[in-house]
């Protein structure tokens, strides 16, 4: 028997490509304790729904709504959000001014994409 030859690799190592990651709208959004502190602060200052004027209940009777959506260039600041009422029916479906505004934004987005 002869001697075994060892094989050498012909593959070259590639350096990882440095990519610049652009933060998405979700990455820019406030979350966690900071978000809860903002919700309490804004609700305490004015607990009424900006849409219908109804008194909202803390913590589940409202949602903070971005006046201009983040994906459309809106800022995630206290001045750029509003209190909108929300409630759930017996089937768990969301209702209220926030649900209505979101549904309208979806319809507008569908109209825009249809004609662009």
C-alpha atoms as a PDB file:
ATOM      1  CA  UNK A   1       0.000   0.000   0.000  1.00  0.00           C
ATOM      2  CA  UNK A   2       1.050   3.445  -0.789  1.00  0.00           C
ATOM      3  CA  UNK A   3       1.031   6.556   1.252  1.00  0.00           C
ATOM      4  CA  UNK A   4      -2.230   8.566   1.382  1.00  0.00           C
ATOM      5  CA  UNK A   5      -2.119  12.084   0.029  1.00  0.00           C
ATOM      6  CA  UNK A   6      -3.813  14.850   1.934  1.00  0.00           C
ATOM      7  CA  UNK A   7      -6.153  17.073   0.012  1.00  0.00           C
ATOM      8  CA  UNK A   8      -5.841  20.806   0.080  1.00  0.00           C
ATOM      9  CA  UNK A   9      -8.773  23.149  -0.259  1.00  0.00           C
ATOM     10  CA  UNK A  10      -9.162  25.427  -3.228  1.00  0.00           C
ATOM     11  CA  UNK A  11     -11.890  27.497  -1.620  1.00  0.00           C
ATOM     12  CA  UNK A  12     -11.145  31.087  -0.727  1.00  0.00           C
ATOM     13  CA  UNK A  13     -12.429  32.652   2.439  1.00  0.00           C
ATOM     14  CA  UNK A  14     -14.774  35.573   1.909  1.00  0.00           C
ATOM     15  CA  UNK A  15     -14.963  38.479   4.258  1.00  0.00           C
ATOM     16  CA  UNK A  16     -18.487  39.290   5.423  1.00  0.00           C
ATOM     17  CA  UNK A  17     -20.108  42.156   3.563  1.00  0.00           C
ATOM     18  CA  UNK A  18     -20.789  45.169   5.727  1.00  0.00           C
ATOM     19  CA  UNK A  19     -24.369  46.235   5.109  1.00  0.00           C
ATOM     20  CA  UNK A  20     -25.982  49.365   6.393  1.00  0.00           C
ATOM     21  CA  UNK A  21     -29.283  48.418   7.955  1.00  0.00           C
ATOM     22  CA  UNK A  22     -31.992  51.056   7.695  1.00  0.00           C
ATOM     23  CA  UNK A  23     -34.280  50.894  10.718  1.00  0.00           C
ATOM     24  CA  UNK A  24     -37.848  49.947   9.902  1.00  0.00           C
ATOM     25  CA  UNK A  25     -40.876  51.740  11.293  1.00  0.00           C
ATOM     26  CA  UNK A  26     -41.122  49.035  13.973  1.00  0.00           C
ATOM     27  CA  UNK A  27     -37.512  49.577  15.010  1.00  0.00           C
ATOM     28  CA  UNK A  28     -38.183  53.292  15.499  1.00  0.00           C
ATOM     29  CA  UNK A  29     -41.258  52.682  17.659  1.00  0.00           C
ATOM     30  CA  UNK A  30     -41.083  53.164  21.421  1.00  0.00           C
ATOM     31  CA  UNK A  31     -41.695  49.964  23.403  1.00  0.00           C
ATOM     32  CA  UNK A  32     -41.663  48.477  26.879  1.00  0.00           C
ATOM     33  CA  UNK A  33     -41.622  50.598  30.007  1.00  0.00           C
ATOM     34  CA  UNK A  34     -40.921  53.785  28.084  1.00  0.00           C
ATOM     35  CA  UNK A  35     -44.071  53.240  26.012  1.00  0.00           C
ATOM     36  CA  UNK A  36     -46.153  52.494  29.109  1.00  0.00           C
ATOM     37  CA  UNK A  37     -44.854  55.656  30.776  1.00  0.00           C
ATOM     38  CA  UNK A  38     -45.796  57.673  27.671  1.00  0.00           C
ATOM     39  CA  UNK A  39     -49.297  56.135  27.601  1.00  0.00           C
ATOM     40  CA  UNK A  40     -49.906  57.013  31.247  1.00  0.00           C
ATOM     41  CA  UNK A  41     -48.533  60.546  30.842  1.00  0.00           C
ATOM     42  CA  UNK A  42     -50.645  61.334  27.760  1.00  0.00           C
ATOM     43  CA  UNK A  43     -53.793  59.704  29.175  1.00  0.00           C
ATOM     44  CA  UNK A  44     -53.383  61.587  32.475  1.00  0.00           C
ATOM     45  CA  UNK A  45     -53.024  64.881  30.607  1.00  0.00           C
ATOM     46  CA  UNK A  46     -56.176  64.223  28.534  1.00  0.00           C
ATOM     47  CA  UNK A  47     -58.115  60.947  28.940  1.00  0.00           C
ATOM     48  CA  UNK A  48     -60.628  61.765  26.189  1.00  0.00           C
ATOM     49  CA  UNK A  49     -60.587  60.160  22.747  1.00  0.00           C
ATOM     50  CA  UNK A  50     -59.351  62.628  20.149  1.00  0.00           C
ATOM     51  CA  UNK A  51     -61.770  61.115  17.607  1.00  0.00           C
ATOM     52  CA  UNK A  52     -65.130  61.050  19.389  1.00  0.00           C
ATOM     53  CA  UNK A  53     -64.528  62.815  22.691  1.00  0.00           C
ATOM     54  CA  UNK A  54     -65.460  59.774  24.806  1.00  0.00           C
ATOM     55  CA  UNK A  55     -63.788  59.393  28.199  1.00  0.00           C
ATOM     56  CA  UNK A  56     -61.381  56.447  27.905  1.00  0.00           C
ATOM     57  CA  UNK A  57     -60.460  53.962  30.611  1.00  0.00           C
ATOM     58  CA  UNK A  58     -56.861  53.270  31.605  1.00  0.00           C
ATOM     59  CA  UNK A  59     -55.135  51.038  30.566  1.00  0.00           C
ATOM     60  CA  UNK A  60     -57.237  49.055  28.073  1.00  0.00           C
ATOM     61  CA  UNK A  61     -59.821  51.556  26.838  1.00  0.00           C
ATOM     62  CA  UNK A  62     -57.535  53.408  24.442  1.00  0.00           C
ATOM     63  CA  UNK A  63     -54.502  53.087  22.204  1.00  0.00           C
ATOM     64  CA  UNK A  64     -51.914  55.658  21.273  1.00  0.00           C
ATOM     65  CA  UNK A  65     -52.207  56.408  17.588  1.00  0.00           C
ATOM     66  CA  UNK A  66     -49.547  57.999  15.415  1.00  0.00           C
ATOM     67  CA  UNK A  67     -51.236  60.959  13.727  1.00  0.00           C
ATOM     68  CA  UNK A  68     -48.936  60.419  10.727  1.00  0.00           C
ATOM     69  CA  UNK A  69     -48.011  56.767  10.325  1.00  0.00           C
ATOM     70  CA  UNK A  70     -44.371  55.874  10.969  1.00  0.00           C
ATOM     71  CA  UNK A  71     -44.048  54.235   7.554  1.00  0.00           C
ATOM     72  CA  UNK A  72     -45.194  57.501   5.998  1.00  0.00           C
ATOM     73  CA  UNK A  73     -42.554  59.563   7.792  1.00  0.00           C
ATOM     74  CA  UNK A  74     -44.323  60.274  11.079  1.00  0.00           C
ATOM     75  CA  UNK A  75     -42.295  60.686  14.244  1.00  0.00           C
ATOM     76  CA  UNK A  76     -42.608  58.564  17.364  1.00  0.00           C
ATOM     77  CA  UNK A  77     -42.804  61.472  19.793  1.00  0.00           C
ATOM     78  CA  UNK A  78     -45.388  62.566  22.337  1.00  0.00           C
ATOM     79  CA  UNK A  79     -46.461  65.425  20.084  1.00  0.00           C
ATOM     80  CA  UNK A  80     -47.052  63.027  17.174  1.00  0.00           C
ATOM     81  CA  UNK A  81     -49.428  60.612  18.925  1.00  0.00           C
ATOM     82  CA  UNK A  82     -53.006  60.883  20.129  1.00  0.00           C
ATOM     83  CA  UNK A  83     -55.339  58.959  22.424  1.00  0.00           C
ATOM     84  CA  UNK A  84     -58.013  57.061  20.456  1.00  0.00           C
ATOM     85  CA  UNK A  85     -60.678  54.856  22.038  1.00  0.00           C
ATOM     86  CA  UNK A  86     -60.701  51.108  21.519  1.00  0.00           C
ATOM     87  CA  UNK A  87     -62.883  48.263  22.750  1.00  0.00           C
ATOM     88  CA  UNK A  88     -63.425  44.616  21.887  1.00  0.00           C
ATOM     89  CA  UNK A  89     -66.723  42.860  21.232  1.00  0.00           C
ATOM     90  CA  UNK A  90     -67.642  39.367  22.461  1.00  0.00           C
ATOM     91  CA  UNK A  91     -65.883  37.838  19.423  1.00  0.00           C
ATOM     92  CA  UNK A  92     -62.655  39.667  20.246  1.00  0.00           C
ATOM     93  CA  UNK A  93     -62.915  42.053  17.304  1.00  0.00           C
ATOM     94  CA  UNK A  94     -61.519  45.531  17.839  1.00  0.00           C
ATOM     95  CA  UNK A  95     -63.810  48.559  17.566  1.00  0.00           C
ATOM     96  CA  UNK A  96     -63.586  52.262  18.317  1.00  0.00           C
ATOM     97  CA  UNK A  97     -61.897  55.259  16.755  1.00  0.00           C
ATOM     98  CA  UNK A  98     -58.474  53.611  16.531  1.00  0.00           C
ATOM     99  CA  UNK A  99     -59.875  50.587  14.689  1.00  0.00           C
ATOM    100  CA  UNK A 100     -61.826  52.863  12.348  1.00  0.00           C
ATOM    101  CA  UNK A 101     -58.768  55.021  11.593  1.00  0.00           C
ATOM    102  CA  UNK A 102     -56.620  51.955  10.929  1.00  0.00           C
ATOM    103  CA  UNK A 103     -59.258  50.489   8.595  1.00  0.00           C
ATOM    104  CA  UNK A 104     -59.442  53.790   6.698  1.00  0.00           C
ATOM    105  CA  UNK A 105     -55.647  53.903   6.356  1.00  0.00           C
ATOM    106  CA  UNK A 106     -55.700  50.365   4.943  1.00  0.00           C
ATOM    107  CA  UNK A 107     -58.388  51.358   2.416  1.00  0.00           C
ATOM    108  CA  UNK A 108     -56.412  54.468   1.419  1.00  0.00           C
ATOM    109  CA  UNK A 109     -53.269  52.363   0.992  1.00  0.00           C
ATOM    110  CA  UNK A 110     -55.137  49.942  -1.254  1.00  0.00           C
ATOM    111  CA  UNK A 111     -56.464  52.830  -3.369  1.00  0.00           C
ATOM    112  CA  UNK A 112     -53.006  54.382  -3.660  1.00  0.00           C
ATOM    113  CA  UNK A 113     -51.331  51.127  -4.728  1.00  0.00           C
ATOM    114  CA  UNK A 114     -54.124  50.449  -7.254  1.00  0.00           C
ATOM    115  CA  UNK A 115     -53.540  53.767  -9.043  1.00  0.00           C
ATOM    116  CA  UNK A 116     -49.750  54.024  -8.784  1.00  0.00           C
END
